[in-house]
C-alpha atoms as a PDB file:
ATOM      1  CA  MET A   1       0.000   0.000   0.000  1.00  0.00           C
ATOM      2  CA  THR A   2       2.906   2.358   0.804  1.00  0.00           C
ATOM      3  CA  ARG A   3       4.470   1.815  -2.636  1.00  0.00           C
ATOM      4  CA  PHE A   4       1.065   2.344  -4.296  1.00  0.00           C
ATOM      5  CA  LEU A   5       0.572   5.641  -2.408  1.00  0.00           C
ATOM      6  CA  ALA A   6       4.112   6.892  -3.105  1.00  0.00           C
ATOM      7  CA  ALA A   7       3.754   6.192  -6.841  1.00  0.00           C
ATOM      8  CA  LYS A   8       0.452   8.065  -7.028  1.00  0.00           C
ATOM      9  CA  ILE A   9       1.839  11.081  -5.128  1.00  0.00           C
ATOM     10  CA  GLY A  10       4.875  11.183  -7.433  1.00  0.00           C
ATOM     11  CA  GLU A  11       2.638  11.103 -10.508  1.00  0.00           C
ATOM     12  CA  SER A  12       0.509  13.884  -9.015  1.00  0.00           C
ATOM     13  CA  LEU A  13       3.495  16.187  -8.393  1.00  0.00           C
ATOM     14  CA  LEU A  14       4.789  15.581 -11.919  1.00  0.00           C
ATOM     15  CA  ALA A  15       1.368  16.404 -13.373  1.00  0.00           C
ATOM     16  CA  ILE A  16       1.157  19.674 -11.411  1.00  0.00           C
ATOM     17  CA  TRP A  17       4.609  20.697 -12.641  1.00  0.00           C
ATOM     18  CA  GLY A  18       3.578  19.930 -16.216  1.00  0.00           C
ATOM     19  CA  VAL A  19       0.409  21.998 -15.962  1.00  0.00           C
ATOM     20  CA  VAL A  20       2.219  24.971 -14.414  1.00  0.00           C
ATOM     21  CA  THR A  21       4.897  24.858 -17.133  1.00  0.00           C
ATOM     22  CA  ILE A  22       2.388  24.720 -19.987  1.00  0.00           C
ATOM     23  CA  VAL A  23       0.320  27.566 -18.534  1.00  0.00           C
ATOM     24  CA  PHE A  24       3.413  29.741 -18.068  1.00  0.00           C
ATOM     25  CA  PHE A  25       4.495  29.527 -21.711  1.00  0.00           C
ATOM     26  CA  VAL A  26       0.984  29.648 -23.185  1.00  0.00           C
ATOM     27  CA  SER A  27       0.060  32.736 -21.141  1.00  0.00           C
ATOM     28  CA  ARG A  28       3.075  34.580 -22.564  1.00  0.00           C
ATOM     29  CA  VAL A  29       1.622  34.482 -26.074  1.00  0.00           C
ATOM     30  CA  LEU A  30      -1.630  36.182 -25.025  1.00  0.00           C
ATOM     31  CA  GLY A  31      -0.133  39.627 -25.460  1.00  0.00           C
ATOM     32  CA  ASP A  32       1.594  42.371 -23.528  1.00  0.00           C
ATOM     33  CA  PRO A  33      -0.197  43.233 -20.247  1.00  0.00           C
ATOM     34  CA  ALA A  34       1.709  46.523 -20.004  1.00  0.00           C
ATOM     35  CA  VAL A  35      -0.283  47.837 -22.973  1.00  0.00           C
ATOM     36  CA  LEU A  36      -3.574  47.047 -21.212  1.00  0.00           C
ATOM     37  CA  LEU A  37      -2.532  48.465 -17.854  1.00  0.00           C
ATOM     38  CA  LEU A  38      -1.438  51.845 -19.220  1.00  0.00           C
ATOM     39  CA  PRO A  39      -3.846  54.506 -20.507  1.00  0.00           C
ATOM     40  CA  VAL A  40      -4.616  54.631 -24.198  1.00  0.00           C
ATOM     41  CA  GLY A  41      -1.938  56.574 -26.044  1.00  0.00           C
ATOM     42  CA  ALA A  42       0.876  55.820 -23.597  1.00  0.00           C
ATOM     43  CA  GLY A  43       4.331  56.170 -25.101  1.00  0.00           C
ATOM     44  CA  GLN A  44       6.761  53.364 -25.769  1.00  0.00           C
ATOM     45  CA  GLN A  45       9.017  54.590 -22.975  1.00  0.00           C
ATOM     46  CA  ASP A  46       6.192  54.225 -20.452  1.00  0.00           C
ATOM     47  CA  ILE A  47       5.404  50.729 -21.769  1.00  0.00           C
ATOM     48  CA  ASP A  48       9.058  49.674 -21.507  1.00  0.00           C
ATOM     49  CA  SER A  49       9.306  51.052 -17.961  1.00  0.00           C
ATOM     50  CA  LEU A  50       6.225  49.137 -16.839  1.00  0.00           C
ATOM     51  CA  ARG A  51       7.427  45.926 -18.501  1.00  0.00           C
ATOM     52  CA  ALA A  52      10.710  46.269 -16.621  1.00  0.00           C
ATOM     53  CA  ALA A  53       8.872  46.878 -13.341  1.00  0.00           C
ATOM     54  CA  LEU A  54       6.776  43.751 -13.916  1.00  0.00           C
ATOM     55  CA  GLY A  55       9.827  41.688 -14.853  1.00  0.00           C
ATOM     56  CA  LEU A  56       8.543  41.061 -18.369  1.00  0.00           C
ATOM     57  CA  ASP A  57      11.673  42.422 -20.053  1.00  0.00           C
ATOM     58  CA  ARG A  58      13.827  39.489 -18.968  1.00  0.00           C
ATOM     59  CA  PRO A  59      14.423  36.435 -21.221  1.00  0.00           C
ATOM     60  CA  ILE A  60      11.517  33.994 -21.169  1.00  0.00           C
ATOM     61  CA  LEU A  61      13.548  31.124 -19.698  1.00  0.00           C
ATOM     62  CA  GLU A  62      14.837  33.362 -16.921  1.00  0.00           C
ATOM     63  CA  GLN A  63      11.259  34.412 -16.142  1.00  0.00           C
ATOM     64  CA  TYR A  64      10.245  30.748 -16.051  1.00  0.00           C
ATOM     65  CA  PHE A  65      13.110  29.755 -13.748  1.00  0.00           C
ATOM     66  CA  TRP A  66      12.441  32.472 -11.159  1.00  0.00           C
ATOM     67  CA  SER A  67       8.682  32.006 -11.462  1.00  0.00           C
ATOM     68  CA  LEU A  68       9.066  28.277 -10.776  1.00  0.00           C
ATOM     69  CA  LEU A  69      11.251  28.923  -7.723  1.00  0.00           C
ATOM     70  CA  SER A  70       8.672  31.395  -6.376  1.00  0.00           C
ATOM     71  CA  MET A  71       5.819  28.949  -7.006  1.00  0.00           C
ATOM     72  CA  LEU A  72       7.631  26.273  -4.986  1.00  0.00           C
ATOM     73  CA  LYS A  73       7.500  28.737  -2.074  1.00  0.00           C
ATOM     74  CA  GLY A  74       3.803  29.388  -2.684  1.00  0.00           C
ATOM     75  CA  ASP A  75       4.438  32.834  -4.164  1.00  0.00           C
ATOM     76  CA  PHE A  76       2.741  33.388  -7.535  1.00  0.00           C
ATOM     77  CA  GLY A  77       3.559  37.085  -7.633  1.00  0.00           C
ATOM     78  CA  MET A  78       1.413  40.202  -7.491  1.00  0.00           C
ATOM     79  CA  SER A  79      -1.676  40.517  -9.620  1.00  0.00           C
ATOM     80  CA  PHE A  80      -1.138  43.129 -12.337  1.00  0.00           C
ATOM     81  CA  GLN A  81      -4.758  44.245 -12.121  1.00  0.00           C
ATOM     82  CA  HIS A  82      -5.603  43.902  -8.416  1.00  0.00           C
ATOM     83  CA  GLN A  83      -2.173  44.790  -6.987  1.00  0.00           C
ATOM     84  CA  ARG A  84      -2.456  41.987  -4.437  1.00  0.00           C
ATOM     85  CA  PRO A  85      -0.881  38.536  -4.183  1.00  0.00           C
ATOM     86  CA  ALA A  86      -2.280  36.486  -7.070  1.00  0.00           C
ATOM     87  CA  MET A  87      -3.047  33.395  -4.981  1.00  0.00           C
ATOM     88  CA  GLU A  88      -4.928  35.555  -2.482  1.00  0.00           C
ATOM     89  CA  VAL A  89      -7.104  36.899  -5.316  1.00  0.00           C
ATOM     90  CA  VAL A  90      -7.891  33.347  -6.441  1.00  0.00           C
ATOM     91  CA  LEU A  91      -8.405  31.849  -2.974  1.00  0.00           C
ATOM     92  CA  GLU A  92     -10.964  34.453  -1.973  1.00  0.00           C
ATOM     93  CA  ARG A  93     -13.153  33.158  -4.819  1.00  0.00           C
ATOM     94  CA  MET A  94     -12.738  29.512  -3.778  1.00  0.00           C
ATOM     95  CA  PRO A  95     -15.553  29.401  -1.160  1.00  0.00           C
ATOM     96  CA  ALA A  96     -18.134  30.469  -3.746  1.00  0.00           C
ATOM     97  CA  THR A  97     -16.948  27.826  -6.216  1.00  0.00           C
ATOM     98  CA  ALA A  98     -16.795  25.154  -3.493  1.00  0.00           C
ATOM     99  CA  MET A  99     -20.365  25.948  -2.406  1.00  0.00           C
ATOM    100  CA  LEU A 100     -21.667  25.738  -5.964  1.00  0.00           C
ATOM    101  CA  ALA A 101     -19.711  22.546  -6.695  1.00  0.00           C
ATOM    102  CA  ALA A 102     -20.808  20.823  -3.485  1.00  0.00           C
ATOM    103  CA  THR A 103     -24.467  21.659  -4.113  1.00  0.00           C
ATOM    104  CA  ALA A 104     -24.381  20.362  -7.682  1.00  0.00           C
ATOM    105  CA  LEU A 105     -22.361  17.265  -6.785  1.00  0.00           C
ATOM    106  CA  VAL A 106     -24.456  16.193  -3.791  1.00  0.00           C
ATOM    107  CA  PHE A 107     -27.834  16.604  -5.444  1.00  0.00           C
ATOM    108  CA  GLY A 108     -26.602  15.379  -8.818  1.00  0.00           C
ATOM    109  CA  THR A 109     -25.078  12.230  -7.275  1.00  0.00           C
ATOM    110  CA  LEU A 110     -28.154  11.418  -5.195  1.00  0.00           C
ATOM    111  CA  ILE A 111     -30.535  11.890  -8.104  1.00  0.00           C
ATOM    112  CA  GLY A 112     -28.260  10.163 -10.624  1.00  0.00           C
ATOM    113  CA  ALA A 113     -27.503   7.160  -8.402  1.00  0.00           C
ATOM    114  CA  THR A 114     -31.177   6.667  -7.610  1.00  0.00           C
ATOM    115  CA  ALA A 115     -32.216   7.000 -11.245  1.00  0.00           C
ATOM    116  CA  GLY A 116     -29.447   4.675 -12.448  1.00  0.00           C
ATOM    117  CA  ALA A 117     -30.340   1.986  -9.904  1.00  0.00           C
ATOM    118  CA  VAL A 118     -34.031   2.211 -10.821  1.00  0.00           C
ATOM    119  CA  ALA A 119     -33.237   1.908 -14.532  1.00  0.00           C
ATOM    120  CA  ALA A 120     -31.040  -1.163 -13.949  1.00  0.00           C
ATOM    121  CA  LEU A 121     -33.403  -2.946 -11.542  1.00  0.00           C
ATOM    122  CA  ARG A 122     -36.466  -2.220 -13.694  1.00  0.00           C
ATOM    123  CA  ARG A 123     -34.924  -3.007 -17.041  1.00  0.00           C
ATOM    124  CA  GLY A 124     -37.394  -3.203 -19.902  1.00  0.00           C
ATOM    125  CA  THR A 125     -40.077  -1.176 -18.106  1.00  0.00           C
ATOM    126  CA  ILE A 126     -41.427   2.325 -18.622  1.00  0.00           C
ATOM    127  CA  SER A 127     -39.329   3.457 -15.626  1.00  0.00           C
ATOM    128  CA  GLU A 128     -36.093   2.601 -17.433  1.00  0.00           C
ATOM    129  CA  PHE A 129     -37.311   4.305 -20.610  1.00  0.00           C
ATOM    130  CA  ILE A 130     -38.141   7.536 -18.760  1.00  0.00           C
ATOM    131  CA  VAL A 131     -34.829   7.556 -16.870  1.00  0.00           C
ATOM    132  CA  MET A 132     -32.763   6.954 -20.008  1.00  0.00           C
ATOM    133  CA  ILE A 133     -34.589   9.620 -22.035  1.00  0.00           C
ATOM    134  CA  ALA A 134     -34.164  12.130 -19.202  1.00  0.00           C
ATOM    135  CA  ALA A 135     -30.473  11.228 -18.819  1.00  0.00           C
ATOM    136  CA  LEU A 136     -29.848  11.521 -22.554  1.00  0.00           C
ATOM    137  CA  LEU A 137     -31.504  14.946 -22.657  1.00  0.00           C
ATOM    138  CA  GLY A 138     -29.574  16.032 -19.550  1.00  0.00           C
ATOM    139  CA  GLN A 139     -26.234  15.168 -21.144  1.00  0.00           C
ATOM    140  CA  ALA A 140     -27.111  16.538 -24.586  1.00  0.00           C
ATOM    141  CA  THR A 141     -28.432  19.903 -23.424  1.00  0.00           C
ATOM    142  CA  PRO A 142     -25.751  22.645 -23.357  1.00  0.00           C
ATOM    143  CA  VAL A 143     -25.413  23.936 -19.797  1.00  0.00           C
ATOM    144  CA  PHE A 144     -25.314  27.578 -20.881  1.00  0.00           C
ATOM    145  CA  TRP A 145     -28.624  27.176 -22.771  1.00  0.00           C
ATOM    146  CA  LEU A 146     -30.224  25.395 -19.814  1.00  0.00           C
ATOM    147  CA  GLY A 147     -29.000  28.118 -17.469  1.00  0.00           C
ATOM    148  CA  ILE A 148     -30.462  30.855 -19.657  1.00  0.00           C
ATOM    149  CA  MET A 149     -33.789  29.011 -19.938  1.00  0.00           C
ATOM    150  CA  LEU A 150     -33.960  28.612 -16.146  1.00  0.00           C
ATOM    151  CA  ILE A 151     -33.306  32.334 -15.740  1.00  0.00           C
ATOM    152  CA  LEU A 152     -36.045  33.214 -18.244  1.00  0.00           C
ATOM    153  CA  VAL A 153     -38.609  30.930 -16.577  1.00  0.00           C
ATOM    154  CA  PHE A 154     -37.869  31.118 -12.861  1.00  0.00           C
ATOM    155  CA  SER A 155     -36.315  34.597 -12.636  1.00  0.00           C
ATOM    156  CA  VAL A 156     -37.812  36.731 -15.392  1.00  0.00           C
ATOM    157  CA  ASP A 157     -41.297  35.179 -15.766  1.00  0.00           C
ATOM    158  CA  LEU A 158     -42.015  33.802 -12.273  1.00  0.00           C
ATOM    159  CA  GLY A 159     -39.667  36.005 -10.242  1.00  0.00           C
ATOM    160  CA  TRP A 160     -38.854  33.186  -7.809  1.00  0.00           C
ATOM    161  CA  PHE A 161     -35.064  33.484  -7.878  1.00  0.00           C
ATOM    162  CA  PRO A 162     -32.464  36.184  -8.646  1.00  0.00           C
ATOM    163  CA  THR A 163     -31.061  36.306 -12.161  1.00  0.00           C
ATOM    164  CA  GLY A 164     -27.475  36.183 -10.913  1.00  0.00           C
ATOM    165  CA  GLY A 165     -24.973  37.127  -8.244  1.00  0.00           C
ATOM    166  CA  SER A 166     -24.460  35.550  -4.834  1.00  0.00           C
ATOM    167  CA  GLY A 167     -25.141  36.171  -1.165  1.00  0.00           C
ATOM    168  CA  THR A 168     -28.204  34.076  -0.274  1.00  0.00           C
ATOM    169  CA  TRP A 169     -29.407  30.504  -0.785  1.00  0.00           C
ATOM    170  CA  ALA A 170     -31.767  31.778  -3.495  1.00  0.00           C
ATOM    171  CA  HIS A 171     -28.790  32.836  -5.631  1.00  0.00           C
ATOM    172  CA  LEU A 172     -27.460  29.262  -5.413  1.00  0.00           C
ATOM    173  CA  VAL A 173     -30.577  27.428  -6.606  1.00  0.00           C
ATOM    174  CA  LEU A 174     -30.490  28.043 -10.360  1.00  0.00           C
ATOM    175  CA  PRO A 175     -26.729  27.607 -11.006  1.00  0.00           C
ATOM    176  CA  GLY A 176     -26.668  24.582  -8.691  1.00  0.00           C
ATOM    177  CA  LEU A 177     -29.665  23.041 -10.465  1.00  0.00           C
ATOM    178  CA  THR A 178     -28.133  23.665 -13.887  1.00  0.00           C
ATOM    179  CA  LEU A 179     -24.943  21.805 -12.975  1.00  0.00           C
ATOM    180  CA  ALA A 180     -26.818  19.080 -11.054  1.00  0.00           C
ATOM    181  CA  VAL A 181     -28.786  18.170 -14.194  1.00  0.00           C
ATOM    182  CA  PHE A 182     -25.605  17.306 -16.088  1.00  0.00           C
ATOM    183  CA  VAL A 183     -24.051  15.533 -13.083  1.00  0.00           C
ATOM    184  CA  SER A 184     -27.111  13.367 -12.445  1.00  0.00           C
ATOM    185  CA  ALA A 185     -27.491  12.458 -16.131  1.00  0.00           C
ATOM    186  CA  SER A 186     -23.861  11.317 -16.393  1.00  0.00           C
ATOM    187  CA  ILE A 187     -23.987   9.247 -13.214  1.00  0.00           C
ATOM    188  CA  ALA A 188     -27.369   7.671 -14.026  1.00  0.00           C
ATOM    189  CA  ARG A 189     -26.250   6.351 -17.415  1.00  0.00           C
ATOM    190  CA  LEU A 190     -22.915   5.062 -16.144  1.00  0.00           C
ATOM    191  CA  LEU A 191     -24.348   3.400 -13.032  1.00  0.00           C
ATOM    192  CA  ARG A 192     -27.098   1.667 -15.003  1.00  0.00           C
ATOM    193  CA  SER A 193     -24.569   0.265 -17.471  1.00  0.00           C
ATOM    194  CA  SER A 194     -22.205  -0.813 -14.689  1.00  0.00           C
ATOM    195  CA  LEU A 195     -24.959  -2.513 -12.680  1.00  0.00           C
ATOM    196  CA  LEU A 196     -26.214  -4.433 -15.701  1.00  0.00           C
ATOM    197  CA  ASP A 197     -22.691  -5.650 -16.497  1.00  0.00           C
ATOM    198  CA  ILE A 198     -22.106  -6.850 -12.922  1.00  0.00           C
ATOM    199  CA  MET A 199     -25.493  -8.587 -12.780  1.00  0.00           C
ATOM    200  CA  ARG A 200     -24.373 -10.876 -15.622  1.00  0.00           C
ATOM    201  CA  GLU A 201     -21.261 -12.071 -13.775  1.00  0.00           C
ATOM    202  CA  ASP A 202     -21.005 -15.698 -12.682  1.00  0.00           C
ATOM    203  CA  TYR A 203     -20.379 -14.870  -9.029  1.00  0.00           C
ATOM    204  CA  VAL A 204     -23.686 -12.974  -8.873  1.00  0.00           C
ATOM    205  CA  ARG A 205     -25.572 -15.974 -10.227  1.00  0.00           C
ATOM    206  CA  THR A 206     -23.733 -18.171  -7.724  1.00  0.00           C
ATOM    207  CA  ALA A 207     -24.695 -15.867  -4.852  1.00  0.00           C
ATOM    208  CA  ARG A 208     -28.340 -16.035  -5.885  1.00  0.00           C
ATOM    209  CA  ALA A 209     -28.177 -19.814  -6.266  1.00  0.00           C
ATOM    210  CA  LYS A 210     -26.841 -20.073  -2.699  1.00  0.00           C
ATOM    211  CA  GLY A 211     -30.123 -18.542  -1.524  1.00  0.00           C
ATOM    212  CA  LEU A 212     -28.793 -15.176  -0.338  1.00  0.00           C
ATOM    213  CA  MET A 213     -31.365 -12.451   0.175  1.00  0.00           C
ATOM    214  CA  PRO A 214     -31.807 -10.190  -2.887  1.00  0.00           C
ATOM    215  CA  ARG A 215     -30.843  -7.151  -0.801  1.00  0.00           C
ATOM    216  CA  THR A 216     -27.591  -8.818   0.296  1.00  0.00           C
ATOM    217  CA  VAL A 217     -26.741  -9.822  -3.269  1.00  0.00           C
ATOM    218  CA  PHE A 218     -27.375  -6.314  -4.556  1.00  0.00           C
ATOM    219  CA  PHE A 219     -25.513  -4.293  -1.933  1.00  0.00           C
ATOM    220  CA  TRP A 220     -22.622  -6.686  -1.212  1.00  0.00           C
ATOM    221  CA  HIS A 221     -21.956  -8.356  -4.559  1.00  0.00           C
ATOM    222  CA  ILE A 222     -23.380  -6.014  -7.214  1.00  0.00           C
ATOM    223  CA  ALA A 223     -23.374  -2.403  -6.004  1.00  0.00           C
ATOM    224  CA  ARG A 224     -19.900  -2.515  -4.479  1.00  0.00           C
ATOM    225  CA  ASN A 225     -18.258  -3.642  -7.719  1.00  0.00           C
ATOM    226  CA  ALA A 226     -20.432  -1.426  -9.896  1.00  0.00           C
ATOM    227  CA  LEU A 227     -19.292   1.653  -7.948  1.00  0.00           C
ATOM    228  CA  ILE A 228     -15.701   1.604  -9.227  1.00  0.00           C
ATOM    229  CA  PRO A 229     -16.375   3.349 -12.595  1.00  0.00           C
ATOM    230  CA  VAL A 230     -18.937   5.592 -10.887  1.00  0.00           C
ATOM    231  CA  VAL A 231     -16.358   6.720  -8.319  1.00  0.00           C
ATOM    232  CA  THR A 232     -14.068   7.617 -11.229  1.00  0.00           C
ATOM    233  CA  MET A 233     -16.829   9.659 -12.835  1.00  0.00           C
ATOM    234  CA  ILE A 234     -17.640  11.467  -9.577  1.00  0.00           C
ATOM    235  CA  GLY A 235     -13.954  12.286  -9.074  1.00  0.00           C
ATOM    236  CA  ILE A 236     -13.620  13.742 -12.556  1.00  0.00           C
ATOM    237  CA  ILE A 237     -16.829  15.764 -12.208  1.00  0.00           C
ATOM    238  CA  ALA A 238     -15.824  17.029  -8.752  1.00  0.00           C
ATOM    239  CA  GLY A 239     -12.489  18.207 -10.120  1.00  0.00           C
ATOM    240  CA  GLU A 240     -14.187  20.012 -12.981  1.00  0.00           C
ATOM    241  CA  LEU A 241     -16.723  21.669 -10.677  1.00  0.00           C
ATOM    242  CA  LEU A 242     -14.138  22.765  -8.106  1.00  0.00           C
ATOM    243  CA  GLY A 243     -11.945  23.974 -10.924  1.00  0.00           C
ATOM    244  CA  GLY A 244     -14.626  26.472 -11.713  1.00  0.00           C
ATOM    245  CA  SER A 245     -17.566  25.958 -14.019  1.00  0.00           C
ATOM    246  CA  VAL A 246     -16.600  28.898 -16.194  1.00  0.00           C
ATOM    247  CA  VAL A 247     -19.727  28.957 -18.356  1.00  0.00           C
ATOM    248  CA  ILE A 248     -22.193  28.721 -15.465  1.00  0.00           C
ATOM    249  CA  GLU A 249     -20.285  31.228 -13.352  1.00  0.00           C
ATOM    250  CA  THR A 250     -20.403  33.627 -16.287  1.00  0.00           C
ATOM    251  CA  VAL A 251     -24.094  33.066 -17.073  1.00  0.00           C
ATOM    252  CA  PHE A 252     -25.161  33.565 -13.451  1.00  0.00           C
ATOM    253  CA  ALA A 253     -22.480  36.172 -12.576  1.00  0.00           C
ATOM    254  CA  TRP A 254     -21.286  33.805  -9.864  1.00  0.00           C
ATOM    255  CA  PRO A 255     -18.051  35.122  -8.268  1.00  0.00           C
ATOM    256  CA  GLY A 256     -16.064  31.901  -8.474  1.00  0.00           C
ATOM    257  CA  VAL A 257     -12.598  30.714  -9.501  1.00  0.00           C
ATOM    258  CA  GLY A 258     -13.556  30.029 -13.114  1.00  0.00           C
ATOM    259  CA  ARG A 259     -14.819  33.560 -13.584  1.00  0.00           C
ATOM    260  CA  ILE A 260     -11.729  35.208 -12.095  1.00  0.00           C
ATOM    261  CA  ILE A 261      -9.475  33.093 -14.340  1.00  0.00           C
ATOM    262  CA  MET A 262     -11.460  34.154 -17.419  1.00  0.00           C
ATOM    263  CA  GLN A 263     -11.185  37.802 -16.357  1.00  0.00           C
ATOM    264  CA  ALA A 264      -7.441  37.347 -15.837  1.00  0.00           C
ATOM    265  CA  ILE A 265      -7.059  35.894 -19.347  1.00  0.00           C
ATOM    266  CA  GLN A 266      -8.946  38.836 -20.832  1.00  0.00           C
ATOM    267  CA  ASN A 267      -6.749  41.290 -18.884  1.00  0.00           C
ATOM    268  CA  GLN A 268      -3.535  39.279 -19.463  1.00  0.00           C
ATOM    269  CA  ASP A 269      -2.960  39.107 -15.713  1.00  0.00           C
ATOM    270  CA  PHE A 270      -0.280  36.382 -15.823  1.00  0.00           C
ATOM    271  CA  PRO A 271       0.147  35.844 -12.046  1.00  0.00           C
ATOM    272  CA  VAL A 272      -3.591  35.292 -11.513  1.00  0.00           C
ATOM    273  CA  ILE A 273      -3.778  32.948 -14.515  1.00  0.00           C
ATOM    274  CA  GLN A 274      -0.889  30.871 -13.165  1.00  0.00           C
ATOM    275  CA  ALA A 275      -2.210  30.851  -9.593  1.00  0.00           C
ATOM    276  CA  GLY A 276      -5.735  29.958 -10.694  1.00  0.00           C
ATOM    277  CA  VAL A 277      -4.749  27.175 -13.049  1.00  0.00           C
ATOM    278  CA  ALA A 278      -2.210  25.770 -10.549  1.00  0.00           C
ATOM    279  CA  LEU A 279      -4.903  25.674  -7.854  1.00  0.00           C
ATOM    280  CA  VAL A 280      -7.413  24.067 -10.202  1.00  0.00           C
ATOM    281  CA  ALA A 281      -4.852  21.472 -11.305  1.00  0.00           C
ATOM    282  CA  ALA A 282      -3.872  20.707  -7.709  1.00  0.00           C
ATOM    283  CA  ILE A 283      -7.504  20.224  -6.683  1.00  0.00           C
ATOM    284  CA  PHE A 284      -8.242  18.027  -9.694  1.00  0.00           C
ATOM    285  CA  ILE A 285      -5.143  15.885  -9.127  1.00  0.00           C
ATOM    286  CA  VAL A 286      -5.741  15.526  -5.380  1.00  0.00           C
ATOM    287  CA  ILE A 287      -9.325  14.416  -6.021  1.00  0.00           C
ATOM    288  CA  ASN A 288      -8.124  11.840  -8.526  1.00  0.00           C
ATOM    289  CA  LEU A 289      -5.518  10.667  -6.012  1.00  0.00           C
ATOM    290  CA  VAL A 290      -8.294  10.142  -3.471  1.00  0.00           C
ATOM    291  CA  VAL A 291     -10.268   8.249  -6.125  1.00  0.00           C
ATOM    292  CA  ASP A 292      -7.281   5.976  -6.791  1.00  0.00           C
ATOM    293  CA  LEU A 293      -7.017   5.259  -3.067  1.00  0.00           C
ATOM    294  CA  LEU A 294     -10.731   4.497  -2.914  1.00  0.00           C
ATOM    295  CA  TYR A 295     -10.150   1.912  -5.642  1.00  0.00           C
ATOM    296  CA  GLY A 296      -7.939   0.084  -3.184  1.00  0.00           C
ATOM    297  CA  VAL A 297     -10.763   0.069  -0.652  1.00  0.00           C
ATOM    298  CA  LEU A 298     -13.410  -1.100  -3.116  1.00  0.00           C
ATOM    299  CA  ASP A 299     -11.138  -3.659  -4.771  1.00  0.00           C
ATOM    300  CA  PRO A 300      -8.096  -4.794  -2.695  1.00  0.00           C
ATOM    301  CA  ARG A 301      -6.583  -6.429  -5.790  1.00  0.00           C
ATOM    302  CA  ILE A 302      -5.691  -2.985  -7.143  1.00  0.00           C
ATOM    303  CA  ARG A 303      -3.309  -2.330  -4.234  1.00  0.00           C
ATOM    304  CA  ARG A 304      -1.209  -5.345  -5.206  1.00  0.00           C
ATOM    305  CA  ARG A 305      -0.618  -4.250  -8.803  1.00  0.00           C
END
């Protein structure tokens, strides 16, 4: 188990370094932030002075080397736009993103798991047909379109919820529901397929032939093994949600991590871009590390590979 854990941690650190490196070089081709920060019509001398003050006049490899050393210390530099530490700018948006992600993930998982189990246990009935049609529509519908439709119906026409922003539970309902629809649809389809595959296994037929109670067969022999691909899906979705659902945060003016990263890209605020993407990558990788460890709990054979 120790070797398994050490290998996964090493892979995670290597992945974070790779993401940070790619983001550093890609962000440098976005343009010159000094031009955006200065007033329109600023002279070349003013632009050169600001670039020197920001450290953008040094060779690109030198910038990368010192930036990497600073990142190892947790210092991503000062935000060009906000004039505050870049990681501080990103972290103050994290609670809003975490709240939105947790709401969507909890309700989406509960609804999706229930729907997927119903579709598998009632195969060939109208219940399975309804669940599969709903899941297909949930996955096929663009989240931005669904978000706009929810705003038009429940905010503009009915006036039940705010059109955007944050601050109260009412602001959370529509963006959380929009994301939960996609989450539940993905989980329902995957869980149904996984359950049906496990039900055909020989050991399940043997367990039933031994006279075990249907509930025992389902929860101990079927559900436990069927959860492995579902756990993977939940981990991936959780990483995406915590990384900032950029489209939904933009549609609902939700002050989350995804939105601040998009604003930083538009303003060419390199430190905030690097801090935001590094945080998102770290969260995503840590969640996947936890998922890998859960594999070892669900299936002890994995730990011996």
